[in-house]
Amino acid sequence: MPRTPSASAHQKVLQAALELVAEHGIDGTSMDAVARESGVSKATIYKHWADKEALLLEMLAEASGLHSRPNFDSGDTRGDMIAVLSYRPPENAAVRERILPHIVAYSARNRTFGLTLRKMATEPAMRELRSLIERGIRKRELKPKLNVELALGLLLGPMLYWHIFHKGQEAPVDFRPLATGVVDAFWKAFGTARH
């Protein structure tokens, strides 16, 4: 099915913004430059995005696969937790590597943007894990008085630790063994005797 002109313009703008940010950084990328590079008028761009930061957030979400997460609901609570923690967005690593330093630097200088970005990047996994923890409690697979916020920290903490402190190392092709170890330790501490 062919793209509508609006959808096509939307994609052209995202691609142009991605290339410009990768080459010139965020501060060196103006909406005028995005319009020139994409061949889409500024008026049309502003119909799609309220401002440059809204465009940047969608550009990053697109490059990181945040809009296309699978549904983690097989009915197996423990297995679904492992799937959430080991999920890797579609491979677009080269693009992410080119824009990520610019995004991180901009986030450090622009607190509101940084908070929005962190929420956007972590919220899907937190929402999915919160639902799985609550399901495990309802199904009596997990202890009934388990503090859900503490549980989230215990599950996400080791994964975030790896991403933050092992940055210079080669990323594992498969995060499943690490996620399995995290969930096994969590299950051992908080699972009920019957599971």
C-alpha atoms as a PDB file:
ATOM      1  CA  MET A   1       0.000   0.000   0.000  1.00  0.00           C
ATOM      2  CA  PRO A   2       1.561   3.346  -0.998  1.00  0.00           C
ATOM      3  CA  ARG A   3       2.145   5.974   1.657  1.00  0.00           C
ATOM      4  CA  THR A   4      -0.072   9.022   1.702  1.00  0.00           C
ATOM      5  CA  PRO A   5       1.710  12.321   0.980  1.00  0.00           C
ATOM      6  CA  SER A   6       1.443  13.256   4.666  1.00  0.00           C
ATOM      7  CA  ALA A   7       2.933   9.941   5.841  1.00  0.00           C
ATOM      8  CA  SER A   8       5.656  10.220   3.212  1.00  0.00           C
ATOM      9  CA  ALA A   9       6.497  13.786   4.300  1.00  0.00           C
ATOM     10  CA  HIS A  10       6.533  12.644   7.928  1.00  0.00           C
ATOM     11  CA  GLN A  11       9.124   9.942   7.160  1.00  0.00           C
ATOM     12  CA  LYS A  12      11.229  12.300   5.017  1.00  0.00           C
ATOM     13  CA  VAL A  13      11.408  14.794   7.884  1.00  0.00           C
ATOM     14  CA  LEU A  14      12.363  12.094  10.423  1.00  0.00           C
ATOM     15  CA  GLN A  15      15.108  10.791   8.120  1.00  0.00           C
ATOM     16  CA  ALA A  16      16.432  14.282   7.379  1.00  0.00           C
ATOM     17  CA  ALA A  17      16.464  15.167  11.088  1.00  0.00           C
ATOM     18  CA  LEU A  18      18.319  11.941  11.862  1.00  0.00           C
ATOM     19  CA  GLU A  19      21.021  12.641   9.276  1.00  0.00           C
ATOM     20  CA  LEU A  20      21.424  16.278  10.296  1.00  0.00           C
ATOM     21  CA  VAL A  21      21.636  15.531  14.033  1.00  0.00           C
ATOM     22  CA  ALA A  22      24.151  12.745  13.362  1.00  0.00           C
ATOM     23  CA  GLU A  23      26.310  15.132  11.343  1.00  0.00           C
ATOM     24  CA  HIS A  24      25.857  18.518  13.066  1.00  0.00           C
ATOM     25  CA  GLY A  25      24.434  17.779  16.524  1.00  0.00           C
ATOM     26  CA  ILE A  26      21.163  19.068  17.892  1.00  0.00           C
ATOM     27  CA  ASP A  27      22.183  22.691  18.348  1.00  0.00           C
ATOM     28  CA  GLY A  28      23.580  22.717  14.802  1.00  0.00           C
ATOM     29  CA  THR A  29      20.324  21.380  13.347  1.00  0.00           C
ATOM     30  CA  SER A  30      17.631  23.974  12.739  1.00  0.00           C
ATOM     31  CA  MET A  31      14.084  23.407  11.577  1.00  0.00           C
ATOM     32  CA  ASP A  32      15.036  25.393   8.447  1.00  0.00           C
ATOM     33  CA  ALA A  33      17.811  22.888   7.741  1.00  0.00           C
ATOM     34  CA  VAL A  34      15.405  19.968   8.291  1.00  0.00           C
ATOM     35  CA  ALA A  35      12.940  21.558   5.863  1.00  0.00           C
ATOM     36  CA  ARG A  36      15.675  22.057   3.230  1.00  0.00           C
ATOM     37  CA  GLU A  37      17.115  18.548   3.659  1.00  0.00           C
ATOM     38  CA  SER A  38      13.722  16.808   3.611  1.00  0.00           C
ATOM     39  CA  GLY A  39      12.117  18.910   0.891  1.00  0.00           C
ATOM     40  CA  VAL A  40       9.117  19.409   3.191  1.00  0.00           C
ATOM     41  CA  SER A  41       7.873  22.902   4.043  1.00  0.00           C
ATOM     42  CA  LYS A  42       8.271  24.254   7.568  1.00  0.00           C
ATOM     43  CA  ALA A  43       4.498  24.740   7.719  1.00  0.00           C
ATOM     44  CA  THR A  44       3.993  21.016   7.097  1.00  0.00           C
ATOM     45  CA  ILE A  45       6.687  20.111   9.618  1.00  0.00           C
ATOM     46  CA  TYR A  46       4.940  22.191  12.290  1.00  0.00           C
ATOM     47  CA  LYS A  47       1.651  20.416  11.492  1.00  0.00           C
ATOM     48  CA  HIS A  48       3.348  17.160  12.544  1.00  0.00           C
ATOM     49  CA  TRP A  49       5.485  18.404  15.467  1.00  0.00           C
ATOM     50  CA  ALA A  50       4.930  21.298  17.859  1.00  0.00           C
ATOM     51  CA  ASP A  51       8.638  22.095  18.059  1.00  0.00           C
ATOM     52  CA  LYS A  52      12.146  20.775  17.474  1.00  0.00           C
ATOM     53  CA  GLU A  53      12.164  18.803  20.736  1.00  0.00           C
ATOM     54  CA  ALA A  54       8.981  16.933  19.773  1.00  0.00           C
ATOM     55  CA  LEU A  55      10.635  16.054  16.454  1.00  0.00           C
ATOM     56  CA  LEU A  56      13.804  14.914  18.262  1.00  0.00           C
ATOM     57  CA  LEU A  57      11.848  12.671  20.620  1.00  0.00           C
ATOM     58  CA  GLU A  58       9.981  10.984  17.789  1.00  0.00           C
ATOM     59  CA  MET A  59      13.182  10.671  15.759  1.00  0.00           C
ATOM     60  CA  LEU A  60      14.847   8.892  18.682  1.00  0.00           C
ATOM     61  CA  ALA A  61      11.811   6.683  19.331  1.00  0.00           C
ATOM     62  CA  GLU A  62      11.802   5.670  15.668  1.00  0.00           C
ATOM     63  CA  ALA A  63      15.560   4.980  15.603  1.00  0.00           C
ATOM     64  CA  SER A  64      15.321   2.971  18.841  1.00  0.00           C
ATOM     65  CA  GLY A  65      12.229   0.950  17.937  1.00  0.00           C
ATOM     66  CA  LEU A  66      10.214   2.295  20.874  1.00  0.00           C
ATOM     67  CA  HIS A  67       7.005   2.420  18.805  1.00  0.00           C
ATOM     68  CA  SER A  68       7.150  -1.236  17.819  1.00  0.00           C
ATOM     69  CA  ARG A  69       7.458  -3.212  21.059  1.00  0.00           C
ATOM     70  CA  PRO A  70       5.947  -6.700  21.005  1.00  0.00           C
ATOM     71  CA  ASN A  71       3.187  -7.803  23.365  1.00  0.00           C
ATOM     72  CA  PHE A  72       4.709  -9.619  26.365  1.00  0.00           C
ATOM     73  CA  ASP A  73       1.687 -11.665  27.419  1.00  0.00           C
ATOM     74  CA  SER A  74       2.192 -15.381  26.861  1.00  0.00           C
ATOM     75  CA  GLY A  75       0.562 -16.225  30.207  1.00  0.00           C
ATOM     76  CA  ASP A  76       3.897 -17.392  31.658  1.00  0.00           C
ATOM     77  CA  THR A  77       4.715 -14.619  34.158  1.00  0.00           C
ATOM     78  CA  ARG A  78       8.334 -15.616  34.709  1.00  0.00           C
ATOM     79  CA  GLY A  79       8.960 -16.163  30.983  1.00  0.00           C
ATOM     80  CA  ASP A  80       7.331 -12.840  30.120  1.00  0.00           C
ATOM     81  CA  MET A  81       9.569 -11.046  32.663  1.00  0.00           C
ATOM     82  CA  ILE A  82      12.631 -12.550  30.972  1.00  0.00           C
ATOM     83  CA  ALA A  83      11.276 -11.501  27.562  1.00  0.00           C
ATOM     84  CA  VAL A  84      10.745  -7.883  28.703  1.00  0.00           C
ATOM     85  CA  LEU A  85      14.216  -7.626  30.257  1.00  0.00           C
ATOM     86  CA  SER A  86      15.982  -9.227  27.291  1.00  0.00           C
ATOM     87  CA  TYR A  87      14.060  -7.346  24.591  1.00  0.00           C
ATOM     88  CA  ARG A  88      16.234  -5.541  22.074  1.00  0.00           C
ATOM     89  CA  PRO A  89      14.616  -3.210  19.557  1.00  0.00           C
ATOM     90  CA  PRO A  90      15.127  -3.921  15.879  1.00  0.00           C
ATOM     91  CA  GLU A  91      18.779  -3.485  15.047  1.00  0.00           C
ATOM     92  CA  ASN A  92      19.569   0.060  14.126  1.00  0.00           C
ATOM     93  CA  ALA A  93      22.724   0.271  16.215  1.00  0.00           C
ATOM     94  CA  ALA A  94      24.742   2.301  13.704  1.00  0.00           C
ATOM     95  CA  VAL A  95      22.122   5.052  13.644  1.00  0.00           C
ATOM     96  CA  ARG A  96      21.706   5.039  17.423  1.00  0.00           C
ATOM     97  CA  GLU A  97      25.471   5.287  17.925  1.00  0.00           C
ATOM     98  CA  ARG A  98      25.641   8.330  15.647  1.00  0.00           C
ATOM     99  CA  ILE A  99      22.865  10.298  17.357  1.00  0.00           C
ATOM    100  CA  LEU A 100      23.048   9.090  20.956  1.00  0.00           C
ATOM    101  CA  PRO A 101      26.007  11.276  22.051  1.00  0.00           C
ATOM    102  CA  HIS A 102      24.165  14.353  20.750  1.00  0.00           C
ATOM    103  CA  ILE A 103      20.934  13.327  22.480  1.00  0.00           C
ATOM    104  CA  VAL A 104      22.691  12.650  25.802  1.00  0.00           C
ATOM    105  CA  ALA A 105      24.551  15.979  25.718  1.00  0.00           C
ATOM    106  CA  TYR A 106      21.367  17.868  24.858  1.00  0.00           C
ATOM    107  CA  SER A 107      19.483  16.054  27.647  1.00  0.00           C
ATOM    108  CA  ALA A 108      22.137  17.113  30.159  1.00  0.00           C
ATOM    109  CA  ARG A 109      21.685  20.770  29.193  1.00  0.00           C
ATOM    110  CA  ASN A 110      17.895  20.666  28.888  1.00  0.00           C
ATOM    111  CA  ARG A 111      16.400  19.120  32.014  1.00  0.00           C
ATOM    112  CA  THR A 112      12.790  18.937  30.812  1.00  0.00           C
ATOM    113  CA  PHE A 113      13.831  17.254  27.569  1.00  0.00           C
ATOM    114  CA  GLY A 114      16.038  14.837  29.521  1.00  0.00           C
ATOM    115  CA  LEU A 115      13.211  13.884  31.877  1.00  0.00           C
ATOM    116  CA  THR A 116      10.826  13.363  28.971  1.00  0.00           C
ATOM    117  CA  LEU A 117      13.402  11.238  27.166  1.00  0.00           C
ATOM    118  CA  ARG A 118      14.093   9.064  30.221  1.00  0.00           C
ATOM    119  CA  LYS A 119      10.385   8.552  30.757  1.00  0.00           C
ATOM    120  CA  MET A 120       9.852   7.685  27.103  1.00  0.00           C
ATOM    121  CA  ALA A 121      12.744   5.202  27.072  1.00  0.00           C
ATOM    122  CA  THR A 122      12.028   3.447  30.383  1.00  0.00           C
ATOM    123  CA  GLU A 123       8.257   3.715  30.720  1.00  0.00           C
ATOM    124  CA  PRO A 124       7.289   0.841  28.380  1.00  0.00           C
ATOM    125  CA  ALA A 125       9.435  -1.741  30.214  1.00  0.00           C
ATOM    126  CA  MET A 126       8.380  -0.404  33.621  1.00  0.00           C
ATOM    127  CA  ARG A 127       4.696  -0.563  32.657  1.00  0.00           C
ATOM    128  CA  GLU A 128       5.082  -4.114  31.303  1.00  0.00           C
ATOM    129  CA  LEU A 129       7.016  -5.341  34.343  1.00  0.00           C
ATOM    130  CA  ARG A 130       4.586  -3.674  36.777  1.00  0.00           C
ATOM    131  CA  SER A 131       1.721  -5.498  35.069  1.00  0.00           C
ATOM    132  CA  LEU A 132       3.613  -8.816  35.223  1.00  0.00           C
ATOM    133  CA  ILE A 133       4.467  -8.365  38.917  1.00  0.00           C
ATOM    134  CA  GLU A 134       0.841  -7.579  39.707  1.00  0.00           C
ATOM    135  CA  ARG A 135      -0.254 -10.600  37.664  1.00  0.00           C
ATOM    136  CA  GLY A 136       2.216 -12.802  39.563  1.00  0.00           C
ATOM    137  CA  ILE A 137       0.801 -11.559  42.872  1.00  0.00           C
ATOM    138  CA  ARG A 138      -2.804 -12.159  41.713  1.00  0.00           C
ATOM    139  CA  LYS A 139      -1.916 -15.665  40.507  1.00  0.00           C
ATOM    140  CA  ARG A 140      -0.142 -16.309  43.827  1.00  0.00           C
ATOM    141  CA  GLU A 141       3.124 -16.965  42.017  1.00  0.00           C
ATOM    142  CA  LEU A 142       4.734 -14.073  43.902  1.00  0.00           C
ATOM    143  CA  LYS A 143       4.462 -13.147  47.576  1.00  0.00           C
ATOM    144  CA  PRO A 144       1.274 -11.162  48.268  1.00  0.00           C
ATOM    145  CA  LYS A 145       2.913  -8.277  50.161  1.00  0.00           C
ATOM    146  CA  LEU A 146       5.629  -7.695  47.588  1.00  0.00           C
ATOM    147  CA  ASN A 147       6.380  -3.977  47.140  1.00  0.00           C
ATOM    148  CA  VAL A 148       5.894  -3.444  43.401  1.00  0.00           C
ATOM    149  CA  GLU A 149       8.209  -0.403  43.193  1.00  0.00           C
ATOM    150  CA  LEU A 150      11.002  -2.290  44.962  1.00  0.00           C
ATOM    151  CA  ALA A 151      10.425  -5.242  42.645  1.00  0.00           C
ATOM    152  CA  LEU A 152      10.763  -2.983  39.601  1.00  0.00           C
ATOM    153  CA  GLY A 153      14.087  -1.673  40.885  1.00  0.00           C
ATOM    154  CA  LEU A 154      15.380  -5.175  41.577  1.00  0.00           C
ATOM    155  CA  LEU A 155      14.459  -6.366  38.089  1.00  0.00           C
ATOM    156  CA  LEU A 156      15.558  -3.323  36.087  1.00  0.00           C
ATOM    157  CA  GLY A 157      18.611  -2.396  38.175  1.00  0.00           C
ATOM    158  CA  PRO A 158      20.963  -5.144  36.986  1.00  0.00           C
ATOM    159  CA  MET A 159      19.999  -4.571  33.344  1.00  0.00           C
ATOM    160  CA  LEU A 160      20.564  -0.812  33.618  1.00  0.00           C
ATOM    161  CA  TYR A 161      23.849  -1.453  35.429  1.00  0.00           C
ATOM    162  CA  TRP A 162      25.057  -3.503  32.471  1.00  0.00           C
ATOM    163  CA  HIS A 163      24.037  -0.827  29.950  1.00  0.00           C
ATOM    164  CA  ILE A 164      25.646   2.008  31.945  1.00  0.00           C
ATOM    165  CA  PHE A 165      28.872   0.458  33.236  1.00  0.00           C
ATOM    166  CA  HIS A 166      29.705  -1.939  30.409  1.00  0.00           C
ATOM    167  CA  LYS A 167      29.339   0.676  27.662  1.00  0.00           C
ATOM    168  CA  GLY A 168      32.841   0.168  26.254  1.00  0.00           C
ATOM    169  CA  GLN A 169      32.437  -3.586  25.965  1.00  0.00           C
ATOM    170  CA  GLU A 170      30.923  -5.508  23.112  1.00  0.00           C
ATOM    171  CA  ALA A 171      27.177  -5.798  23.720  1.00  0.00           C
ATOM    172  CA  PRO A 172      25.975  -9.378  24.024  1.00  0.00           C
ATOM    173  CA  VAL A 173      24.114 -10.613  20.992  1.00  0.00           C
ATOM    174  CA  ASP A 174      21.534 -12.092  23.343  1.00  0.00           C
ATOM    175  CA  PHE A 175      20.572 -10.500  26.664  1.00  0.00           C
ATOM    176  CA  ARG A 176      18.442 -13.536  27.560  1.00  0.00           C
ATOM    177  CA  PRO A 177      21.057 -15.261  29.794  1.00  0.00           C
ATOM    178  CA  LEU A 178      21.530 -12.068  31.845  1.00  0.00           C
ATOM    179  CA  ALA A 179      17.761 -11.489  32.037  1.00  0.00           C
ATOM    180  CA  THR A 180      17.197 -15.130  33.015  1.00  0.00           C
ATOM    181  CA  GLY A 181      19.715 -14.835  35.870  1.00  0.00           C
ATOM    182  CA  VAL A 182      18.048 -11.635  37.117  1.00  0.00           C
ATOM    183  CA  VAL A 183      14.547 -13.151  36.999  1.00  0.00           C
ATOM    184  CA  ASP A 184      15.733 -16.434  38.590  1.00  0.00           C
ATOM    185  CA  ALA A 185      17.252 -14.511  41.530  1.00  0.00           C
ATOM    186  CA  PHE A 186      14.089 -12.399  41.840  1.00  0.00           C
ATOM    187  CA  TRP A 187      11.855 -15.483  41.686  1.00  0.00           C
ATOM    188  CA  LYS A 188      13.984 -17.252  44.292  1.00  0.00           C
ATOM    189  CA  ALA A 189      13.589 -14.316  46.680  1.00  0.00           C
ATOM    190  CA  PHE A 190       9.932 -13.452  46.034  1.00  0.00           C
ATOM    191  CA  GLY A 191       8.286 -16.472  44.421  1.00  0.00           C
ATOM    192  CA  THR A 192       5.820 -18.480  46.472  1.00  0.00           C
ATOM    193  CA  ALA A 193       6.623 -22.007  47.630  1.00  0.00           C
ATOM    194  CA  ARG A 194       4.132 -23.505  45.201  1.00  0.00           C
ATOM    195  CA  HIS A 195       6.090 -22.104  42.239  1.00  0.00           C
END
